Amino acid sequence: MNPGSLNYFFLLIGTMVIFYLFKENKSKQSILLLASLLFLSFFGIIPVITCVFLSILNFYFAQQAHKGGYGFNKLVIINSFNVIVLLAFRFVNELKMGSLFTAPLIGEQFIAALGIGFYSLQNIGYQIDVYKKRYFPEESLLPFILCNTFFTRVSSGPILNIKVFNTSLSKLPIRLKEEDFTVGLQRILVGLIKKIVIAERFSYYINLYFDGINPGVKTGYDVVAGSFLFTLQLYFDFSGYMDLAIGSARMFGINLNENFNMPLRSQSVSEWWRRWHITLINWFTQYIYYPVAYRFRSKRTLATILAIISTFGISSVWHGFGITYLIWGCLHIVYLIVENFLKKDLIKLNEKLTPYYYSLIFTPFTFMMVSFSNLFFRSNSLQDAKRLLVTLFDLSNFWPKIPFVTWLVHGVHWKMQFLLSLRIGVIFALIYLFFEHKIITRLNQPKFNVLLVAFMIIFLTIFGVFNSGTRFIYMNF
């Protein structure tokens, strides 16, 4: 059951109908939990057992450890178990696909435990917070399990703070509020537009190119185009999922954390990570970056370098065992360390150029740097990445022929139907990015606008690519 599919919306609507038939809060939580387990069951019995088992284990462990004095040794034991289970499923997943130590990002992978990368971090953070006495262990098992299994966000986040989420569960609405319905519906529709209208138009070209199926891609222009398109696809695919998850949750009066803040407008890589996958980077900042930086606080420069290395080293392993993920992480480590050393110079340059011209230079530069790292993130293997790099830096055919421009204008060696679809996707992506701030502001307004909703539905119906059937990319993690 892919989020955004007909089955998903049957589940969402059916759950809403039953949810609002009950007035008692406990019953509403039970309905949401049953719907969440049903959603997981579509991916097999293993995701259900794994998620429920880890939830129960972490719940009771925190309770018992707190009663007996939650020492550091107990924290190490439970979080070592959480990490081992996560890595074991990562290993089994890649081993089953015959892709161990490579990075197959796209394709019908075997999902051994859907969402384990996200709810494992939630449980690890929860244990640390209880150990640090930031709050007491949860007293009720049902909302704790629901926090990990909640069907609107279990497959790809956002990562939740269990205490905050459980507080929202204690205040579930008796009736569907107009504000929740309006904002929820609008976020769902724009999420579908991002995924089905834009991201899916890029996927065909990207899959052909990065999976090595198309032998006609031979120039540096093609590598640049592919990496740029993949960065756009990743943004519209992932942020589209988040809109869908946040909008679906609003239908039950639940506010999930935003996970994106217009990252393609970033003027530096550090700013990119403050705007991209916000809940994940906040988790790594709180539980990895700050502790490492504090440990070496007497030497500020060393502390910063080690904190950056630790954060993105662990992040690359979290994404998978592929060597290409490791290279992707190393590139961002280099970006951030260099940026840290040049911080004062960049501030002076910003003042000299004025913010407007600084943005004109460094916004596209940041996009190019991130896109270059994503070349490794998307490559299926180190050999594929090498092939792309050789093509990219082969200057003998980079400048004179300009085949990408020819391809874009005349459609050489490509079916015109596909070219038209790709061009439409690029145009819609640029239009959205140009008006992104206004669109986000309008979508979060609580007053229902019939014309806006009707326009989005018609737009989705006319331009949607409904026959691809591909999952959201971050369901692989």
Protein backbone atom coordinates (compact mmCIF):
# COMPACT_ATOMS: atom_id res chain seq x y z
CA MET A 1 0.00 0.00 0.00
CA ASN A 2 1.90 2.98 -1.27
CA PRO A 3 1.02 6.26 0.50
CA GLY A 4 -1.11 8.24 -1.93
CA SER A 5 -2.56 5.12 -3.58
CA LEU A 6 -6.28 4.36 -3.73
CA ASN A 7 -5.91 1.75 -0.98
CA TYR A 8 -4.23 4.35 1.22
CA PHE A 9 -7.11 6.78 0.78
CA PHE A 10 -9.67 4.03 1.40
CA LEU A 11 -7.85 3.37 4.68
CA LEU A 12 -7.64 7.08 5.51
CA ILE A 13 -11.33 7.79 4.83
CA GLY A 14 -12.52 4.62 6.54
CA THR A 15 -10.41 5.40 9.61
CA MET A 16 -11.75 8.97 9.72
CA VAL A 17 -15.38 7.78 9.62
CA ILE A 18 -14.88 5.32 12.47
CA PHE A 19 -12.59 7.73 14.37
CA TYR A 20 -15.24 10.44 14.60
CA LEU A 21 -17.98 8.01 15.58
CA PHE A 22 -16.30 7.68 18.97
CA LYS A 23 -16.02 10.44 21.54
CA GLU A 24 -13.83 8.72 24.12
CA ASN A 25 -10.12 9.49 23.61
CA LYS A 26 -8.91 5.96 24.34
CA SER A 27 -11.21 4.56 21.67
CA LYS A 28 -9.90 7.08 19.12
CA GLN A 29 -6.33 6.06 19.89
CA SER A 30 -7.29 2.39 19.47
CA ILE A 31 -8.84 3.12 16.06
CA LEU A 32 -5.67 4.87 14.91
CA LEU A 33 -3.53 1.99 16.17
CA LEU A 34 -5.64 -0.63 14.38
CA ALA A 35 -5.48 1.40 11.16
CA SER A 36 -1.70 1.73 11.55
CA LEU A 37 -1.23 -2.01 12.07
CA LEU A 38 -3.44 -2.68 9.05
CA PHE A 39 -1.28 -0.33 6.98
CA LEU A 40 1.89 -2.11 8.06
CA SER A 41 0.34 -5.51 7.37
CA PHE A 42 0.11 -4.65 3.67
CA PHE A 43 3.92 -4.90 3.64
CA GLY A 44 3.94 -8.25 5.45
CA ILE A 45 3.83 -9.62 8.98
CA ILE A 46 7.50 -8.80 9.68
CA PRO A 47 7.00 -4.98 9.74
CA VAL A 48 4.09 -5.40 12.18
CA ILE A 49 5.93 -7.75 14.55
CA THR A 50 9.15 -5.74 14.46
CA CYS A 51 7.56 -2.36 15.08
CA VAL A 52 5.25 -3.59 17.86
CA PHE A 53 7.98 -5.66 19.52
CA LEU A 54 10.49 -2.82 19.59
CA SER A 55 7.81 -0.44 20.87
CA ILE A 56 6.84 -2.74 23.74
CA LEU A 57 10.47 -3.48 24.58
CA ASN A 58 11.46 0.20 24.71
CA PHE A 59 8.34 1.13 26.67
CA TYR A 60 8.82 -1.41 29.46
CA PHE A 61 12.59 -1.12 29.52
CA ALA A 62 12.39 2.62 30.16
CA GLN A 63 9.83 2.08 32.91
CA GLN A 64 11.79 -0.62 34.71
CA ALA A 65 15.14 1.10 34.24
CA HIS A 66 13.72 4.32 35.64
CA LYS A 67 12.32 2.56 38.71
CA GLY A 68 15.63 0.86 39.42
CA GLY A 69 17.74 3.90 38.59
CA TYR A 70 18.41 4.50 34.90
CA GLY A 71 22.19 4.17 34.77
CA PHE A 72 24.45 4.61 31.78
CA ASN A 73 24.97 0.85 31.44
CA LYS A 74 21.23 0.32 30.98
CA LEU A 75 21.13 3.04 28.35
CA VAL A 76 23.96 1.35 26.45
CA ILE A 77 22.19 -2.03 26.59
CA ILE A 78 18.82 -0.94 25.21
CA ASN A 79 20.19 1.43 22.58
CA SER A 80 22.77 -1.13 21.47
CA PHE A 81 19.87 -3.49 20.91
CA ASN A 82 17.96 -0.82 18.95
CA VAL A 83 21.01 -0.16 16.77
CA ILE A 84 21.78 -3.85 16.23
CA VAL A 85 18.21 -4.59 15.13
CA LEU A 86 18.27 -1.61 12.76
CA LEU A 87 21.61 -2.60 11.22
CA ALA A 88 20.55 -6.26 11.01
CA PHE A 89 17.51 -5.37 8.94
CA ARG A 90 19.62 -3.06 6.79
CA PHE A 91 22.02 -5.97 6.23
CA VAL A 92 19.26 -8.50 5.50
CA ASN A 93 17.52 -6.09 3.13
CA GLU A 94 20.63 -5.44 1.06
CA LEU A 95 21.82 -9.07 1.26
CA LYS A 96 18.46 -10.34 -0.01
CA MET A 97 18.66 -7.94 -2.95
CA GLY A 98 22.24 -8.98 -3.69
CA SER A 99 23.28 -5.35 -3.20
CA LEU A 100 25.42 -5.47 -0.08
CA PHE A 101 27.90 -2.57 -0.01
CA THR A 102 26.21 -0.95 -2.98
CA ALA A 103 23.41 1.58 -2.86
CA PRO A 104 20.29 0.61 -4.84
CA LEU A 105 18.08 3.59 -4.15
CA ILE A 106 15.31 2.87 -6.62
CA GLY A 107 13.54 -0.38 -7.36
CA GLU A 108 11.27 -2.97 -5.81
CA GLN A 109 13.44 -3.68 -2.83
CA PHE A 110 12.55 -6.11 -0.10
CA ILE A 111 11.33 -3.99 2.80
CA ALA A 112 12.06 -6.22 5.78
CA ALA A 113 10.75 -3.76 8.37
CA LEU A 114 9.06 -0.69 6.91
CA GLY A 115 10.03 2.54 8.68
CA ILE A 116 12.55 0.97 11.06
CA GLY A 117 15.12 3.66 10.29
CA PHE A 118 12.72 6.32 11.55
CA TYR A 119 11.06 4.77 14.61
CA SER A 120 14.42 3.31 15.76
CA LEU A 121 15.76 6.85 16.06
CA GLN A 122 12.61 7.84 17.96
CA ASN A 123 13.15 5.02 20.45
CA ILE A 124 16.86 5.76 20.86
CA GLY A 125 16.11 9.44 21.48
CA TYR A 126 13.38 8.48 23.95
CA GLN A 127 15.75 6.32 25.98
CA ILE A 128 18.35 9.09 26.06
CA ASP A 129 15.75 11.65 27.18
CA VAL A 130 14.54 9.40 29.99
CA TYR A 131 18.12 8.69 31.04
CA LYS A 132 18.89 12.42 31.04
CA LYS A 133 15.68 12.96 33.08
CA ARG A 134 14.28 15.36 30.51
CA TYR A 135 10.96 13.68 31.19
CA PHE A 136 9.54 10.64 32.94
CA PRO A 137 8.80 7.37 31.09
CA GLU A 138 5.41 7.10 29.42
CA GLU A 139 2.74 5.43 31.53
CA SER A 140 0.46 4.16 28.78
CA LEU A 141 1.54 1.54 26.24
CA LEU A 142 -1.09 2.22 23.58
CA PRO A 143 -0.03 5.78 22.63
CA PHE A 144 3.62 4.72 22.78
CA ILE A 145 3.07 1.99 20.19
CA LEU A 146 0.93 4.37 18.13
CA CYS A 147 3.75 6.91 18.05
CA ASN A 148 5.97 4.35 16.31
CA THR A 149 3.32 2.82 14.06
CA PHE A 150 1.16 5.84 13.12
CA PHE A 151 0.30 5.03 9.52
CA THR A 152 0.46 8.53 8.02
CA ARG A 153 4.18 8.84 8.79
CA VAL A 154 5.60 5.42 9.72
CA SER A 155 7.17 4.72 6.31
CA SER A 156 9.28 7.89 5.93
CA GLY A 157 8.86 10.15 8.94
CA PRO A 158 8.89 12.85 10.12
CA ILE A 159 10.78 11.68 13.19
CA LEU A 160 8.71 12.40 16.28
CA ASN A 161 9.41 13.34 19.85
CA ILE A 162 7.46 10.64 21.67
CA LYS A 163 6.58 12.87 24.61
CA VAL A 164 5.26 15.68 22.40
CA PHE A 165 3.31 13.29 20.17
CA ASN A 166 1.70 11.53 23.11
CA THR A 167 0.63 14.90 24.49
CA SER A 168 -1.19 15.59 21.22
CA LEU A 169 -2.83 12.16 21.42
CA SER A 170 -4.33 13.10 24.77
CA LYS A 171 -6.20 15.99 23.09
CA LEU A 172 -7.76 14.32 20.05
CA PRO A 173 -10.77 16.26 18.72
CA ILE A 174 -14.34 15.00 19.14
CA ARG A 175 -15.40 16.41 15.76
CA LEU A 176 -13.49 17.19 12.60
CA LYS A 177 -12.60 20.88 12.69
CA GLU A 178 -12.93 22.95 9.53
CA GLU A 179 -9.37 24.20 9.92
CA ASP A 180 -7.96 20.66 10.17
CA PHE A 181 -9.98 19.46 7.18
CA THR A 182 -9.06 22.45 5.02
CA VAL A 183 -5.35 22.45 5.74
CA GLY A 184 -5.22 18.65 5.67
CA LEU A 185 -6.95 18.36 2.29
CA GLN A 186 -4.82 21.09 0.72
CA ARG A 187 -1.58 19.54 1.98
CA ILE A 188 -2.64 16.12 0.68
CA LEU A 189 -3.44 17.51 -2.76
CA VAL A 190 -0.21 19.49 -3.10
CA GLY A 191 1.72 16.42 -1.92
CA LEU A 192 0.11 14.34 -4.67
CA ILE A 193 0.91 17.05 -7.22
CA LYS A 194 4.56 17.09 -6.16
CA LYS A 195 4.82 13.32 -6.41
CA ILE A 196 2.58 12.39 -9.34
CA VAL A 197 2.82 15.48 -11.53
CA ILE A 198 6.47 16.49 -11.00
CA ALA A 199 8.66 13.82 -9.37
CA GLU A 200 7.29 10.95 -11.47
CA ARG A 201 8.07 12.84 -14.69
CA PHE A 202 11.74 12.88 -13.70
CA SER A 203 11.95 9.27 -12.54
CA TYR A 204 11.86 7.63 -15.98
CA TYR A 205 14.85 9.56 -17.28
CA ILE A 206 16.78 9.25 -14.02
CA ASN A 207 16.18 5.49 -13.73
CA LEU A 208 17.30 4.91 -17.31
CA TYR A 209 20.42 6.96 -16.79
CA PHE A 210 21.61 5.99 -13.32
CA ASP A 211 20.70 2.34 -13.71
CA GLY A 212 22.93 2.15 -16.78
CA ILE A 213 20.19 1.05 -19.14
CA ASN A 214 20.56 3.90 -21.61
CA PRO A 215 23.87 3.64 -23.50
CA GLY A 216 23.22 6.91 -25.35
CA VAL A 217 24.13 9.09 -22.35
CA LYS A 218 27.77 9.89 -23.02
CA THR A 219 28.57 13.50 -22.17
CA GLY A 220 29.24 15.67 -19.19
CA TYR A 221 26.09 17.62 -19.91
CA ASP A 222 24.07 14.47 -19.38
CA VAL A 223 25.73 13.86 -16.01
CA VAL A 224 25.01 17.41 -14.92
CA ALA A 225 21.41 17.16 -16.11
CA GLY A 226 20.92 13.81 -14.39
CA SER A 227 22.30 14.96 -11.05
CA PHE A 228 20.27 18.19 -11.15
CA LEU A 229 17.10 16.32 -12.06
CA PHE A 230 17.66 13.77 -9.30
CA THR A 231 18.05 16.51 -6.70
CA LEU A 232 14.78 18.01 -7.91
CA GLN A 233 13.11 14.60 -7.95
CA LEU A 234 14.32 13.81 -4.44
CA TYR A 235 12.96 17.11 -3.14
CA PHE A 236 9.55 16.89 -4.77
CA ASP A 237 9.22 13.19 -3.96
CA PHE A 238 10.22 13.49 -0.30
CA SER A 239 8.52 16.82 0.44
CA GLY A 240 5.46 15.50 -1.39
CA TYR A 241 5.37 12.55 0.98
CA MET A 242 5.68 14.92 3.93
CA ASP A 243 2.77 17.01 2.70
CA LEU A 244 0.74 13.83 2.41
CA ALA A 245 1.76 12.64 5.89
CA ILE A 246 1.14 16.00 7.55
CA GLY A 247 -2.16 16.52 5.72
CA SER A 248 -3.42 13.03 6.61
CA ALA A 249 -2.52 13.53 10.27
CA ARG A 250 -4.39 16.85 10.34
CA MET A 251 -7.57 14.94 9.48
CA PHE A 252 -7.33 13.50 13.01
CA GLY A 253 -6.39 16.79 14.64
CA ILE A 254 -2.72 15.79 14.92
CA ASN A 255 0.03 18.26 13.99
CA LEU A 256 3.22 16.65 12.73
CA ASN A 257 6.49 18.55 12.52
CA GLU A 258 7.43 20.20 9.25
CA ASN A 259 10.36 18.50 7.57
CA PHE A 260 11.27 21.02 4.85
CA ASN A 261 11.68 24.78 4.73
CA MET A 262 12.36 25.68 1.09
CA PRO A 263 15.84 24.06 1.01
CA LEU A 264 16.48 24.87 -2.66
CA ARG A 265 16.79 28.53 -1.63
CA SER A 266 19.75 27.75 0.63
CA GLN A 267 22.90 29.82 0.24
CA SER A 268 25.22 27.31 1.92
CA VAL A 269 25.36 23.60 2.65
CA SER A 270 24.89 24.21 6.38
CA GLU A 271 21.76 26.21 5.60
CA TRP A 272 20.64 23.38 3.31
CA TRP A 273 20.75 20.97 6.23
CA ARG A 274 18.83 23.37 8.44
CA ARG A 275 16.08 23.38 5.81
CA TRP A 276 16.22 19.78 4.50
CA HIS A 277 14.87 16.73 6.39
CA ILE A 278 14.64 18.94 9.45
CA THR A 279 13.52 16.30 11.96
CA LEU A 280 16.39 13.97 11.02
CA ILE A 281 19.07 16.65 11.20
CA ASN A 282 17.58 17.92 14.48
CA TRP A 283 17.84 14.38 15.86
CA PHE A 284 21.47 14.06 14.78
CA THR A 285 22.24 17.55 16.09
CA GLN A 286 20.73 16.87 19.52
CA TYR A 287 21.98 13.32 20.07
CA ILE A 288 25.23 13.21 18.06
CA TYR A 289 26.57 16.66 17.15
CA TYR A 290 26.08 18.44 20.48
CA PRO A 291 27.41 15.60 22.70
CA VAL A 292 30.55 15.21 20.57
CA ALA A 293 31.12 18.97 20.39
CA TYR A 294 30.61 19.26 24.17
CA ARG A 295 33.03 16.42 24.83
CA PHE A 296 35.84 18.31 23.04
CA ARG A 297 34.64 21.81 23.94
CA SER A 298 38.07 22.90 25.19
CA LYS A 299 39.28 22.82 21.56
CA ARG A 300 36.56 24.54 19.56
CA THR A 301 37.87 23.83 16.06
CA LEU A 302 38.56 20.18 16.80
CA ALA A 303 35.17 19.86 18.45
CA THR A 304 33.39 21.19 15.38
CA ILE A 305 35.32 18.96 12.98
CA LEU A 306 34.75 15.81 15.05
CA ALA A 307 31.08 16.64 15.53
CA ILE A 308 30.58 17.08 11.77
CA ILE A 309 32.44 13.84 11.01
CA SER A 310 30.43 11.90 13.59
CA THR A 311 27.10 13.31 12.44
CA PHE A 312 27.48 12.63 8.73
CA GLY A 313 29.44 9.43 9.21
CA ILE A 314 26.54 7.96 11.18
CA SER A 315 24.03 9.51 8.77
CA SER A 316 25.65 7.73 5.81
CA VAL A 317 25.45 4.38 7.62
CA TRP A 318 21.84 5.10 8.57
CA HIS A 319 21.02 5.37 4.88
CA GLY A 320 22.72 2.06 4.09
CA PHE A 321 25.96 0.08 3.86
CA GLY A 322 26.76 1.24 0.34
CA ILE A 323 30.18 2.75 -0.28
CA THR A 324 28.44 5.42 -2.33
CA TYR A 325 26.51 6.53 0.76
CA LEU A 326 29.81 6.81 2.60
CA ILE A 327 31.26 8.99 -0.18
CA TRP A 328 28.10 11.11 -0.10
CA GLY A 329 28.57 11.61 3.65
CA CYS A 330 32.27 12.41 3.23
CA LEU A 331 31.52 15.06 0.64
CA HIS A 332 29.14 16.83 3.03
CA ILE A 333 31.75 16.55 5.77
CA VAL A 334 34.24 18.34 3.50
CA TYR A 335 31.65 20.93 2.47
CA LEU A 336 30.77 21.79 6.06
CA ILE A 337 34.33 21.82 7.39
CA VAL A 338 35.51 24.13 4.58
CA GLU A 339 32.47 26.33 5.10
CA ASN A 340 33.23 26.53 8.82
CA PHE A 341 36.79 27.70 8.14
CA LEU A 342 35.54 30.28 5.63
CA LYS A 343 32.65 31.51 7.76
CA LYS A 344 34.11 34.94 8.52
CA ASP A 345 35.18 35.49 4.92
CA LEU A 346 31.73 34.54 3.66
CA ILE A 347 30.10 36.98 6.06
CA LYS A 348 32.35 39.78 4.78
CA LEU A 349 31.63 38.77 1.18
CA ASN A 350 27.89 38.87 1.88
CA GLU A 351 28.21 42.42 3.22
CA LYS A 352 30.35 43.47 0.28
CA LEU A 353 28.12 42.01 -2.42
CA THR A 354 24.84 42.78 -0.60
CA PRO A 355 22.49 39.88 0.25
CA TYR A 356 20.75 40.00 -3.14
CA TYR A 357 23.86 39.43 -5.27
CA TYR A 358 25.30 37.03 -2.70
CA SER A 359 22.15 34.95 -3.08
CA LEU A 360 22.37 35.03 -6.89
CA ILE A 361 25.83 33.47 -6.66
CA PHE A 362 25.64 31.07 -3.74
CA THR A 363 22.13 29.67 -4.09
CA PRO A 364 22.89 27.95 -7.42
CA PHE A 365 26.39 27.10 -6.17
CA THR A 366 24.91 25.30 -3.15
CA PHE A 367 22.47 23.47 -5.41
CA MET A 368 25.36 22.32 -7.62
CA MET A 369 27.40 21.11 -4.63
CA VAL A 370 24.49 19.15 -3.22
CA SER A 371 23.64 17.74 -6.65
CA PHE A 372 27.23 16.55 -7.09
CA SER A 373 27.02 14.64 -3.80
CA ASN A 374 23.67 13.22 -4.87
CA LEU A 375 25.38 11.71 -7.90
CA PHE A 376 26.90 9.22 -5.42
CA PHE A 377 23.72 9.03 -3.33
CA ARG A 378 21.76 7.81 -6.37
CA SER A 379 24.40 5.63 -8.03
CA ASN A 380 23.77 1.90 -7.67
CA SER A 381 27.43 1.08 -7.16
CA LEU A 382 30.89 2.58 -6.99
CA GLN A 383 31.49 1.37 -10.55
CA ASP A 384 28.46 3.33 -11.78
CA ALA A 385 29.63 6.40 -9.91
CA LYS A 386 33.08 6.09 -11.50
CA ARG A 387 31.48 5.82 -14.93
CA LEU A 388 29.56 9.03 -14.31
CA LEU A 389 32.63 10.85 -13.01
CA VAL A 390 34.72 9.81 -16.02
CA THR A 391 31.97 11.08 -18.30
CA LEU A 392 31.58 14.29 -16.32
CA PHE A 393 35.26 15.23 -16.48
CA ASP A 394 35.90 14.07 -20.04
CA LEU A 395 36.54 17.53 -21.46
CA SER A 396 37.12 16.18 -24.95
CA ASN A 397 33.38 15.79 -25.48
CA PHE A 398 32.09 18.24 -22.89
CA TRP A 399 32.29 21.54 -24.76
CA PRO A 400 32.14 21.09 -28.55
CA LYS A 401 29.06 18.95 -29.14
CA ILE A 402 26.56 20.24 -26.58
CA PRO A 403 24.31 17.19 -27.07
CA PHE A 404 22.18 17.95 -24.03
CA VAL A 405 21.04 21.27 -25.52
CA THR A 406 20.35 19.48 -28.81
CA TRP A 407 18.40 16.81 -26.91
CA LEU A 408 16.41 19.43 -25.02
CA VAL A 409 15.46 21.41 -28.14
CA HIS A 410 15.17 18.78 -30.87
CA GLY A 411 14.63 15.53 -28.99
CA VAL A 412 17.44 13.58 -30.70
CA HIS A 413 17.21 9.81 -30.05
CA TRP A 414 14.28 10.26 -27.63
CA LYS A 415 10.57 9.72 -28.04
CA MET A 416 8.77 13.02 -28.30
CA GLN A 417 6.09 11.94 -25.83
CA PHE A 418 8.70 11.34 -23.15
CA LEU A 419 10.48 14.62 -23.94
CA LEU A 420 7.25 16.56 -23.62
CA SER A 421 6.53 14.91 -20.28
CA LEU A 422 9.98 15.77 -18.95
CA ARG A 423 9.74 19.36 -20.12
CA ILE A 424 6.36 19.73 -18.44
CA GLY A 425 7.86 18.41 -15.21
CA VAL A 426 10.75 20.89 -15.36
CA ILE A 427 8.40 23.81 -16.06
CA PHE A 428 6.05 22.89 -13.20
CA ALA A 429 8.99 22.41 -10.83
CA LEU A 430 10.41 25.85 -11.64
CA ILE A 431 6.99 27.49 -11.31
CA TYR A 432 6.46 25.88 -7.92
CA LEU A 433 9.92 26.85 -6.66
CA PHE A 434 9.45 30.45 -7.81
CA PHE A 435 6.14 30.81 -5.94
CA GLU A 436 6.98 28.35 -3.16
CA HIS A 437 6.65 30.75 -0.24
CA LYS A 438 3.27 32.03 -1.41
CA ILE A 439 2.02 28.50 -2.06
CA ILE A 440 3.03 27.29 1.41
CA THR A 441 1.40 30.32 3.04
CA ARG A 442 -1.83 29.75 1.13
CA LEU A 443 -1.98 26.03 1.86
CA ASN A 444 -1.81 26.63 5.61
CA GLN A 445 -4.68 29.11 5.66
CA PRO A 446 -7.67 27.59 7.51
CA LYS A 447 -10.42 29.09 5.35
CA PHE A 448 -11.76 26.61 2.81
CA ASN A 449 -11.40 27.78 -0.81
CA VAL A 450 -13.55 25.79 -3.21
CA LEU A 451 -11.85 27.19 -6.32
CA LEU A 452 -8.36 26.36 -5.04
CA VAL A 453 -9.28 22.79 -4.16
CA ALA A 454 -11.11 22.30 -7.45
CA PHE A 455 -8.13 23.70 -9.37
CA MET A 456 -5.70 21.31 -7.64
CA ILE A 457 -7.94 18.30 -8.30
CA ILE A 458 -8.36 19.20 -11.98
CA PHE A 459 -4.65 19.97 -12.34
CA LEU A 460 -3.77 16.62 -10.73
CA THR A 461 -6.23 14.77 -12.95
CA ILE A 462 -4.95 16.33 -16.19
CA PHE A 463 -1.20 16.24 -15.58
CA GLY A 464 -0.77 13.35 -13.12
CA VAL A 465 1.40 10.36 -14.08
CA PHE A 466 -0.73 7.60 -12.57
CA ASN A 467 0.77 4.54 -14.25
CA SER A 468 4.27 4.58 -12.71
CA GLY A 469 3.41 2.83 -9.45
CA THR A 470 6.75 3.73 -7.84
CA ARG A 471 7.15 4.12 -4.10
CA PHE A 472 8.28 7.26 -2.38
CA ILE A 473 12.09 7.21 -2.37
CA TYR A 474 12.59 7.45 1.39
CA MET A 475 10.44 4.37 1.98
CA ASN A 476 13.71 2.55 1.22
CA PHE A 477 15.20 3.85 4.46
